[in-house]
Amino acid sequence: METEQNPSLATTNVVGFEADARHDTLQKRKADAQHFQELPPGKTRLSREELQAFETLGYGMFLHFGMSTFDGDEYSVGDKPTTCYAPEKLDVKQWVSAARDAGMKYAVLTAKHTSGFCLWPSMFTDYHVGNASNTTDVIGEFVRACQECGIAPGFYYCAWDNHHRFGSITPSMVPLAQAWTSGKYQELLWQQVEELLTSYGNFRQVWLDIPGVLPREFRNRLYRHISELQPQTLITTNSAMDERMIYDVGYSWPADVAVIERSLPHPYRGRKEWEIEGRRYYMPLEMCDTISREWFYTDDDAPFSDATLLSRYLVCRSMGANYLLNVPPDRSGRLPQMHIDALMRLQKNIEKCGVLSAK
């Protein structure tokens, strides 16, 4: 025989369950916070003041430009001839001037992406701008433009290289977790990073992508070597976190900066201190994002709405994270006017808010 359920009792049970769940969550957060505070501090290479000086930059421009701009493949396999790279109206100063006018304080340019094509005339390969249709040393022009515009320069270097494999198994061939690099390729990476750091003056940031394909021991040595060559630079190995803010030590440590990629910092988990191998480390948080759908320029890739760009900027900055916004040059070698216009509107909207101004 069925009995009639009391609706008010059912509601009470649900409310009680939700209250218990909230209580358990709160207790867990308190326990996690207490555990975290009891961790011994880790020794960072840079002082807290030096790390916070990077945070004061706040807002930067990411520039994805290279062979992928011309072959239309974000993860280019590096099989195109150098002459495929052919910007006819290359204007690096325009890029950096737009960053300055938008209120940005630093900029990071892709020196080498997955194609292996280098935006500088590297002495360790012939796959570079020096053998292309336009032989301009883009890295050199970029650094000069940054100096003239008061922008702090940084360079991006991708550990995933489809052109210079030397026996490596890249993420173009297998899932990322199964990819690895050979000793010969690691030697090339070492030489090219050293070449960049000793040929173009000081960089504010060295941005290493796909660090997980490099062995931890090699990453440790590379981190120390970069530190010795340019002690003041911040070394960023892309942790590529999502909104869960889980830092994968095995994939991206050591580093000076934690990166969240195309996701907004979690309002509870957003933080500057991280538990790494039983110690508590202070690392600035940087969110890398895109002004439109793609990292590299593609036709008709319109910028996101003004409301979207403003909201993402404000959420990021309100959580204390730097906002590194990608604005890709087109195949002519210039920033598209639609992207510049979107940047200027974003700057005006930031100023209208009266808080967390880019300037």
Protein backbone atom coordinates (compact mmCIF):
# COMPACT_ATOMS: atom_id res chain seq x y z
CA MET A 1 0.00 0.00 0.00
CA GLU A 2 1.48 3.36 -1.03
CA THR A 3 1.74 6.12 1.52
CA GLU A 4 1.35 9.76 0.63
CA GLN A 5 4.60 11.73 0.97
CA ASN A 6 4.52 14.97 2.91
CA PRO A 7 5.66 17.70 0.42
CA SER A 8 6.90 19.96 3.18
CA LEU A 9 9.02 17.11 4.60
CA ALA A 10 10.58 16.42 1.18
CA THR A 11 11.44 20.09 0.79
CA THR A 12 12.94 20.15 4.27
CA ASN A 13 15.11 17.12 3.42
CA VAL A 14 16.43 18.77 0.24
CA VAL A 15 17.20 22.02 2.04
CA GLY A 16 18.91 20.11 4.80
CA PHE A 17 21.00 18.15 2.31
CA GLU A 18 22.09 21.34 0.54
CA ALA A 19 23.00 22.96 3.86
CA ASP A 20 25.08 19.92 4.84
CA ALA A 21 26.84 19.98 1.48
CA ARG A 22 27.66 23.67 1.85
CA HIS A 23 28.93 23.04 5.38
CA ASP A 24 31.14 20.17 4.18
CA THR A 25 32.51 22.32 1.36
CA LEU A 26 33.25 25.17 3.75
CA GLN A 27 34.98 22.84 6.18
CA LYS A 28 37.08 21.37 3.38
CA ARG A 29 38.07 24.85 2.21
CA LYS A 30 39.10 25.77 5.74
CA ALA A 31 41.11 22.55 6.09
CA ASP A 32 42.78 23.11 2.70
CA ALA A 33 43.63 26.69 3.64
CA GLN A 34 45.10 25.62 6.97
CA HIS A 35 47.14 22.87 5.29
CA PHE A 36 48.41 25.33 2.70
CA GLN A 37 49.47 27.91 5.29
CA GLU A 38 51.37 25.25 7.21
CA LEU A 39 53.51 24.40 4.19
CA PRO A 40 57.10 25.66 4.35
CA PRO A 41 57.81 28.43 1.82
CA GLY A 42 59.70 27.48 -1.30
CA LYS A 43 62.77 29.47 -2.28
CA THR A 44 62.06 31.46 -5.44
CA ARG A 45 64.79 32.67 -7.78
CA LEU A 46 63.25 36.15 -7.91
CA SER A 47 62.21 38.14 -4.86
CA ARG A 48 58.56 38.82 -4.04
CA GLU A 49 59.15 42.44 -5.05
CA GLU A 50 60.56 41.40 -8.45
CA LEU A 51 57.61 39.11 -9.10
CA GLN A 52 55.15 41.81 -8.10
CA ALA A 53 56.90 44.27 -10.43
CA PHE A 54 55.83 41.99 -13.29
CA GLU A 55 52.29 42.03 -11.95
CA THR A 56 52.22 45.83 -12.11
CA LEU A 57 52.56 45.57 -15.89
CA GLY A 58 49.07 44.10 -15.82
CA TYR A 59 48.16 44.11 -19.49
CA GLY A 60 50.13 42.86 -22.49
CA MET A 61 49.86 41.95 -26.17
CA PHE A 62 50.47 38.43 -27.43
CA LEU A 63 51.53 38.33 -31.08
CA HIS A 64 51.15 35.07 -32.99
CA PHE A 65 52.86 35.51 -36.35
CA GLY A 66 54.93 33.18 -38.52
CA MET A 67 54.56 30.32 -40.97
CA SER A 68 51.10 29.46 -39.61
CA THR A 69 49.95 32.91 -40.73
CA PHE A 70 50.67 31.89 -44.31
CA ASP A 71 49.97 28.16 -44.51
CA GLY A 72 46.70 28.47 -42.56
CA ASP A 73 47.53 25.70 -40.08
CA GLU A 74 47.78 26.68 -36.40
CA TYR A 75 49.83 23.55 -35.71
CA SER A 76 51.85 23.79 -38.90
CA VAL A 77 53.79 20.65 -39.80
CA GLY A 78 56.72 22.73 -41.04
CA ASP A 79 56.81 21.28 -44.56
CA LYS A 80 56.35 24.55 -46.46
CA PRO A 81 59.34 26.26 -48.10
CA THR A 82 60.67 29.38 -46.41
CA THR A 83 59.36 31.43 -49.36
CA CYS A 84 55.79 30.65 -48.21
CA TYR A 85 56.41 33.26 -45.52
CA ALA A 86 55.89 36.47 -47.53
CA PRO A 87 54.56 39.55 -45.70
CA GLU A 88 54.55 42.38 -48.26
CA LYS A 89 53.79 45.27 -45.89
CA LEU A 90 55.50 44.10 -42.70
CA ASP A 91 55.22 46.82 -40.05
CA VAL A 92 56.37 45.62 -36.66
CA LYS A 93 56.32 49.17 -35.30
CA GLN A 94 52.58 49.29 -36.03
CA TRP A 95 52.03 46.25 -33.80
CA VAL A 96 53.89 47.70 -30.86
CA SER A 97 52.44 51.18 -31.29
CA ALA A 98 48.95 49.68 -31.13
CA ALA A 99 49.89 47.90 -27.90
CA ARG A 100 51.12 51.17 -26.40
CA ASP A 101 48.03 53.09 -27.52
CA ALA A 102 45.78 50.40 -26.05
CA GLY A 103 47.37 50.87 -22.63
CA MET A 104 49.42 47.70 -22.72
CA LYS A 105 52.76 47.58 -20.92
CA TYR A 106 54.43 44.51 -22.41
CA ALA A 107 54.33 42.31 -25.52
CA VAL A 108 55.29 38.72 -26.32
CA LEU A 109 56.08 37.63 -29.91
CA THR A 110 56.19 34.06 -31.25
CA ALA A 111 59.85 33.65 -32.20
CA LYS A 112 59.18 30.02 -33.21
CA HIS A 113 55.94 28.03 -33.26
CA THR A 114 55.24 24.41 -34.21
CA SER A 115 56.34 24.91 -37.83
CA GLY A 116 59.91 25.41 -36.60
CA PHE A 117 60.17 28.54 -38.75
CA CYS A 118 62.21 31.22 -36.96
CA LEU A 119 61.43 34.95 -37.03
CA TRP A 120 65.13 35.70 -36.69
CA PRO A 121 68.11 34.53 -38.82
CA SER A 122 69.19 31.70 -36.55
CA MET A 123 72.64 30.29 -37.14
CA PHE A 124 71.45 26.82 -36.10
CA THR A 125 68.99 26.19 -38.95
CA ASP A 126 68.25 27.44 -42.46
CA TYR A 127 64.49 27.48 -41.79
CA HIS A 128 64.22 31.18 -40.94
CA VAL A 129 63.35 34.65 -42.23
CA GLY A 130 66.81 35.14 -43.69
CA ASN A 131 65.89 32.66 -46.43
CA ALA A 132 62.30 33.81 -46.88
CA SER A 133 60.55 36.15 -49.31
CA ASN A 134 60.86 38.92 -46.72
CA THR A 135 64.22 38.71 -44.94
CA THR A 136 63.48 41.21 -42.16
CA ASP A 137 64.77 40.13 -38.75
CA VAL A 138 61.38 40.37 -37.05
CA ILE A 139 62.74 39.75 -33.55
CA GLY A 140 65.26 42.57 -34.02
CA GLU A 141 62.58 44.94 -35.31
CA PHE A 142 60.26 43.94 -32.48
CA VAL A 143 62.83 44.66 -29.76
CA ARG A 144 63.68 48.04 -31.31
CA ALA A 145 60.01 48.99 -31.59
CA CYS A 146 59.42 48.02 -27.96
CA GLN A 147 62.33 50.20 -26.86
CA GLU A 148 60.96 53.16 -28.82
CA CYS A 149 57.41 52.73 -27.53
CA GLY A 150 58.23 51.99 -23.89
CA ILE A 151 56.91 48.43 -24.08
CA ALA A 152 58.67 45.57 -22.26
CA PRO A 153 59.54 42.85 -24.84
CA GLY A 154 59.20 39.12 -24.41
CA PHE A 155 59.55 36.18 -26.75
CA TYR A 156 57.62 32.94 -27.13
CA TYR A 157 59.38 29.70 -28.07
CA CYS A 158 57.50 26.45 -28.69
CA ALA A 159 59.09 23.18 -27.60
CA TRP A 160 56.84 21.37 -30.11
CA ASP A 161 58.69 21.57 -33.43
CA ASN A 162 57.50 19.62 -36.47
CA HIS A 163 60.33 20.72 -38.76
CA HIS A 164 63.36 20.00 -36.58
CA ARG A 165 62.21 16.68 -35.14
CA PHE A 166 65.54 14.81 -35.07
CA GLY A 167 63.65 11.67 -34.09
CA SER A 168 61.24 13.38 -31.69
CA ILE A 169 57.59 12.30 -31.55
CA THR A 170 55.51 15.48 -31.64
CA PRO A 171 51.86 16.12 -30.68
CA SER A 172 51.10 16.25 -34.42
CA MET A 173 51.82 12.51 -34.46
CA VAL A 174 50.47 11.26 -31.11
CA PRO A 175 48.42 12.61 -28.18
CA LEU A 176 50.27 15.28 -26.19
CA ALA A 177 50.87 13.01 -23.21
CA GLN A 178 52.76 10.56 -25.46
CA ALA A 179 54.93 13.13 -27.23
CA TRP A 180 58.62 13.46 -26.40
CA THR A 181 61.77 15.14 -27.69
CA SER A 182 65.14 13.70 -28.64
CA GLY A 183 68.44 14.81 -27.18
CA LYS A 184 69.45 16.31 -30.53
CA TYR A 185 66.33 18.47 -30.65
CA GLN A 186 66.85 19.56 -27.04
CA GLU A 187 70.32 20.70 -28.05
CA LEU A 188 68.82 22.85 -30.82
CA LEU A 189 66.27 24.34 -28.44
CA TRP A 190 69.04 25.17 -25.96
CA GLN A 191 71.16 26.81 -28.65
CA GLN A 192 68.31 28.88 -30.07
CA VAL A 193 67.03 30.14 -26.71
CA GLU A 194 70.59 31.08 -25.82
CA GLU A 195 70.98 32.78 -29.20
CA LEU A 196 67.89 34.92 -28.62
CA LEU A 197 68.95 35.87 -25.10
CA THR A 198 72.47 36.88 -26.15
CA SER A 199 71.67 38.66 -29.42
CA TYR A 200 68.84 41.11 -28.72
CA GLY A 201 69.33 42.61 -25.29
CA ASN A 202 67.10 42.14 -22.27
CA PHE A 203 63.71 40.45 -22.40
CA ARG A 204 61.10 40.94 -19.70
CA GLN A 205 59.61 37.51 -20.26
CA VAL A 206 60.69 34.22 -21.83
CA TRP A 207 57.53 32.28 -22.73
CA LEU A 208 58.06 28.53 -23.32
CA ASP A 209 55.10 26.61 -24.71
CA ILE A 210 54.36 22.87 -24.56
CA PRO A 211 57.00 22.31 -21.85
CA GLY A 212 55.72 18.82 -21.10
CA VAL A 213 57.49 17.34 -24.15
CA LEU A 214 60.79 18.20 -22.46
CA PRO A 215 62.14 15.99 -19.65
CA ARG A 216 62.03 17.51 -16.17
CA GLU A 217 65.80 17.29 -15.81
CA PHE A 218 66.28 19.22 -19.06
CA ARG A 219 63.71 21.85 -17.99
CA ASN A 220 65.59 22.30 -14.72
CA ARG A 221 68.86 22.91 -16.55
CA LEU A 222 67.23 25.21 -19.10
CA TYR A 223 65.60 27.25 -16.35
CA ARG A 224 68.95 27.71 -14.62
CA HIS A 225 70.68 28.59 -17.88
CA ILE A 226 68.11 31.25 -18.81
CA SER A 227 68.40 32.63 -15.28
CA GLU A 228 72.16 32.92 -15.64
CA LEU A 229 71.96 34.63 -19.03
CA GLN A 230 69.25 37.12 -18.02
CA PRO A 231 68.66 37.11 -14.25
CA GLN A 232 65.94 39.77 -14.45
CA THR A 233 63.68 37.95 -16.94
CA LEU A 234 60.56 36.06 -15.89
CA ILE A 235 60.52 32.51 -17.18
CA THR A 236 57.04 31.35 -18.14
CA THR A 237 56.52 27.68 -18.98
CA ASN A 238 52.94 27.44 -20.14
CA SER A 239 50.95 25.55 -17.51
CA ALA A 240 47.83 26.06 -19.70
CA MET A 241 45.43 25.78 -16.76
CA ASP A 242 41.68 26.01 -17.17
CA GLU A 243 39.21 27.51 -14.71
CA ARG A 244 39.88 24.70 -12.22
CA MET A 245 43.31 26.29 -11.61
CA ILE A 246 45.15 22.99 -11.17
CA TYR A 247 48.89 23.47 -11.63
CA ASP A 248 50.53 20.39 -13.19
CA VAL A 249 54.02 20.34 -11.70
CA GLY A 250 55.14 17.40 -13.83
CA TYR A 251 54.18 19.23 -17.01
CA SER A 252 55.40 22.77 -16.45
CA TRP A 253 57.66 23.22 -13.42
CA PRO A 254 60.02 25.05 -12.87
CA ALA A 255 58.61 28.47 -13.74
CA ASP A 256 58.23 32.01 -12.41
CA VAL A 257 54.67 32.55 -13.70
CA ALA A 258 51.54 30.37 -13.67
CA VAL A 259 49.42 30.53 -16.84
CA ILE A 260 45.69 30.11 -17.33
CA GLU A 261 44.81 29.73 -21.02
CA ARG A 262 41.58 31.11 -22.50
CA SER A 263 39.73 30.53 -19.24
CA LEU A 264 38.74 32.94 -16.50
CA PRO A 265 40.39 32.61 -13.08
CA HIS A 266 38.14 30.81 -10.60
CA PRO A 267 36.83 33.23 -7.95
CA TYR A 268 37.71 30.81 -5.13
CA ARG A 269 40.80 29.14 -6.55
CA GLY A 270 42.33 32.31 -7.96
CA ARG A 271 45.58 32.76 -6.07
CA LYS A 272 49.24 33.70 -6.27
CA GLU A 273 50.65 30.96 -4.06
CA TRP A 274 50.86 27.36 -5.17
CA GLU A 275 51.66 24.06 -3.49
CA ILE A 276 54.58 22.55 -5.39
CA GLU A 277 56.35 19.44 -4.16
CA GLY A 278 55.41 20.04 -0.53
CA ARG A 279 56.28 23.74 -0.47
CA ARG A 280 54.43 27.01 -0.94
CA TYR A 281 55.56 29.17 -3.86
CA TYR A 282 54.50 32.66 -4.88
CA MET A 283 53.95 32.90 -8.64
CA PRO A 284 52.14 35.67 -10.54
CA LEU A 285 49.16 34.51 -12.57
CA GLU A 286 48.86 35.37 -16.25
CA MET A 287 45.80 34.72 -18.40
CA CYS A 288 46.53 34.39 -22.12
CA ASP A 289 43.48 35.03 -24.26
CA THR A 290 42.54 35.88 -27.84
CA ILE A 291 40.84 38.94 -29.32
CA SER A 292 39.05 36.63 -31.76
CA ARG A 293 38.59 32.87 -32.23
CA GLU A 294 42.04 31.95 -33.52
CA TRP A 295 45.61 32.43 -32.30
CA PHE A 296 46.93 33.10 -35.80
CA TYR A 297 45.25 35.36 -38.36
CA THR A 298 42.57 33.83 -40.54
CA ASP A 299 40.24 35.60 -42.95
CA ASP A 300 36.98 36.91 -41.48
CA ASP A 301 38.02 36.12 -37.91
CA ALA A 302 36.23 39.10 -36.38
CA PRO A 303 37.02 40.25 -32.84
CA PHE A 304 34.75 39.27 -30.00
CA SER A 305 32.12 41.76 -28.91
CA ASP A 306 33.11 44.81 -26.90
CA ALA A 307 31.14 43.47 -23.94
CA THR A 308 32.94 40.11 -24.07
CA LEU A 309 36.40 41.64 -24.24
CA LEU A 310 35.68 44.11 -21.44
CA SER A 311 34.16 41.50 -19.14
CA ARG A 312 37.06 39.10 -19.62
CA TYR A 313 39.59 41.86 -18.99
CA LEU A 314 37.84 43.02 -15.83
CA VAL A 315 37.36 39.53 -14.37
CA CYS A 316 41.00 38.67 -15.08
CA ARG A 317 42.36 41.87 -13.56
CA SER A 318 39.99 41.76 -10.59
CA MET A 319 41.52 38.38 -9.70
CA GLY A 320 44.99 39.95 -9.78
CA ALA A 321 46.06 38.16 -12.97
CA ASN A 322 47.93 39.76 -15.84
CA TYR A 323 45.92 39.83 -19.08
CA LEU A 324 47.95 38.81 -22.15
CA LEU A 325 45.65 39.40 -25.11
CA ASN A 326 46.56 37.87 -28.47
CA VAL A 327 46.21 40.19 -31.49
CA PRO A 328 47.53 38.42 -34.61
CA PRO A 329 49.08 40.28 -37.57
CA ASP A 330 47.66 39.36 -40.97
CA ARG A 331 49.43 38.02 -44.06
CA SER A 332 50.48 41.52 -45.12
CA GLY A 333 52.42 41.82 -41.86
CA ARG A 334 50.13 44.39 -40.22
CA LEU A 335 47.50 44.24 -37.51
CA PRO A 336 44.04 44.25 -39.11
CA GLN A 337 42.21 47.54 -38.62
CA MET A 338 39.20 45.72 -37.14
CA HIS A 339 41.43 44.41 -34.35
CA ILE A 340 43.02 47.80 -33.70
CA ASP A 341 39.56 49.38 -33.55
CA ALA A 342 38.43 46.72 -31.07
CA LEU A 343 41.51 47.37 -28.92
CA MET A 344 40.86 51.11 -28.85
CA ARG A 345 37.21 50.59 -27.91
CA LEU A 346 38.30 48.22 -25.16
CA GLN A 347 40.70 50.84 -23.83
CA LYS A 348 37.94 53.47 -23.76
CA ASN A 349 35.58 51.08 -22.00
CA ILE A 350 38.22 50.25 -19.40
CA GLU A 351 38.70 53.96 -18.73
CA LYS A 352 34.94 54.47 -18.45
CA CYS A 353 34.82 51.86 -15.71
CA GLY A 354 37.24 54.00 -13.71
CA VAL A 355 38.88 50.98 -12.09
CA LEU A 356 41.71 48.68 -13.02
CA SER A 357 42.63 50.98 -15.87
CA ALA A 358 45.03 49.55 -18.43
CA LYS A 359 47.03 52.74 -18.03
